[in-house]
């Protein structure tokens, strides 16, 4: 049952307030937040939960660290430059 832990609450360091597991589980639409393991490891059996509810490909997408903000800014600048050339 994927919603088994949805009512549990914890303080989110990313957003700065308390929220439920439900939000963390669906933060990226149908995928959890990339920090879900860091935040929930001592509260619920998070690794077991993820392995039983997500494919290897989904787990890879979940657990790969997001691109840094500076790298994202440079990517956006490049995209804007390329649009100007068209």
Protein backbone atom coordinates (compact mmCIF):
# COMPACT_ATOMS: atom_id res chain seq x y z
CA UNK A 1 0.00 0.00 0.00
CA UNK A 2 1.79 3.10 -1.27
CA UNK A 3 -0.07 5.53 1.01
CA UNK A 4 0.75 3.62 4.21
CA UNK A 5 2.95 6.42 5.64
CA UNK A 6 1.12 9.43 4.15
CA UNK A 7 -0.16 10.68 7.53
CA UNK A 8 3.34 10.84 9.09
CA UNK A 9 4.77 14.35 9.43
CA UNK A 10 8.32 15.68 9.59
CA UNK A 11 10.10 19.01 9.30
CA UNK A 12 11.18 19.70 5.72
CA UNK A 13 14.60 21.39 5.61
CA UNK A 14 14.08 22.18 1.95
CA UNK A 15 10.80 24.09 2.44
CA UNK A 16 11.26 25.14 6.06
CA UNK A 17 8.09 23.76 7.63
CA UNK A 18 6.36 20.54 8.63
CA UNK A 19 4.63 18.45 6.03
CA UNK A 20 3.39 14.94 5.47
CA UNK A 21 5.04 12.01 3.76
CA UNK A 22 2.36 12.30 1.09
CA UNK A 23 3.94 15.53 -0.17
CA UNK A 24 7.44 14.03 -0.19
CA UNK A 25 6.18 10.93 -2.00
CA UNK A 26 4.63 13.01 -4.80
CA UNK A 27 6.91 16.07 -4.92
CA UNK A 28 7.96 15.45 -8.54
CA UNK A 29 4.51 14.49 -9.79
CA UNK A 30 4.59 10.71 -9.72
CA UNK A 31 8.09 10.54 -8.17
CA UNK A 32 9.28 11.43 -4.67
CA UNK A 33 11.58 14.25 -3.66
CA UNK A 34 15.27 13.50 -4.22
CA UNK A 35 15.89 14.06 -0.49
CA UNK A 36 13.30 11.51 0.64
CA UNK A 37 15.91 9.03 1.91
CA UNK A 38 17.86 11.71 3.82
CA UNK A 39 14.75 13.03 5.51
CA UNK A 40 12.87 9.82 6.30
CA UNK A 41 15.60 7.22 6.96
CA UNK A 42 15.15 7.30 10.73
CA UNK A 43 11.35 7.52 10.72
CA UNK A 44 10.18 4.80 8.34
CA UNK A 45 11.83 1.95 6.41
CA UNK A 46 12.29 4.29 3.43
CA UNK A 47 14.67 2.19 1.33
CA UNK A 48 12.38 -0.82 1.59
CA UNK A 49 9.40 1.40 0.74
CA UNK A 50 11.09 2.84 -2.35
CA UNK A 51 12.27 -0.56 -3.62
CA UNK A 52 8.81 -2.06 -3.26
CA UNK A 53 6.95 0.78 -5.01
CA UNK A 54 9.30 2.04 -7.73
CA UNK A 55 11.19 0.51 -10.64
CA UNK A 56 14.98 0.60 -10.92
CA UNK A 57 14.68 3.37 -13.52
CA UNK A 58 12.44 5.41 -11.24
CA UNK A 59 14.79 4.85 -8.29
CA UNK A 60 17.67 6.09 -10.40
CA UNK A 61 15.71 9.25 -11.26
CA UNK A 62 14.75 9.73 -7.60
CA UNK A 63 18.18 9.17 -6.08
CA UNK A 64 20.38 10.98 -8.61
CA UNK A 65 21.26 14.36 -7.16
CA UNK A 66 19.58 17.29 -8.87
CA UNK A 67 21.65 19.62 -11.01
CA UNK A 68 23.21 22.49 -9.05
CA UNK A 69 21.54 25.89 -9.29
CA UNK A 70 24.55 27.43 -11.01
CA UNK A 71 24.61 24.63 -13.61
CA UNK A 72 20.90 25.19 -14.21
CA UNK A 73 21.50 28.93 -14.72
CA UNK A 74 24.27 28.24 -17.25
CA UNK A 75 22.01 25.77 -19.09
CA UNK A 76 19.25 28.38 -19.27
CA UNK A 77 21.68 30.99 -20.60
CA UNK A 78 22.83 28.56 -23.32
CA UNK A 79 19.23 27.78 -24.26
CA UNK A 80 18.47 31.51 -24.52
CA UNK A 81 21.54 32.08 -26.71
CA UNK A 82 20.51 29.23 -28.99
CA UNK A 83 16.96 30.63 -29.32
CA UNK A 84 18.41 34.00 -30.33
CA UNK A 85 20.43 32.37 -33.10
CA UNK A 86 17.35 30.74 -34.64
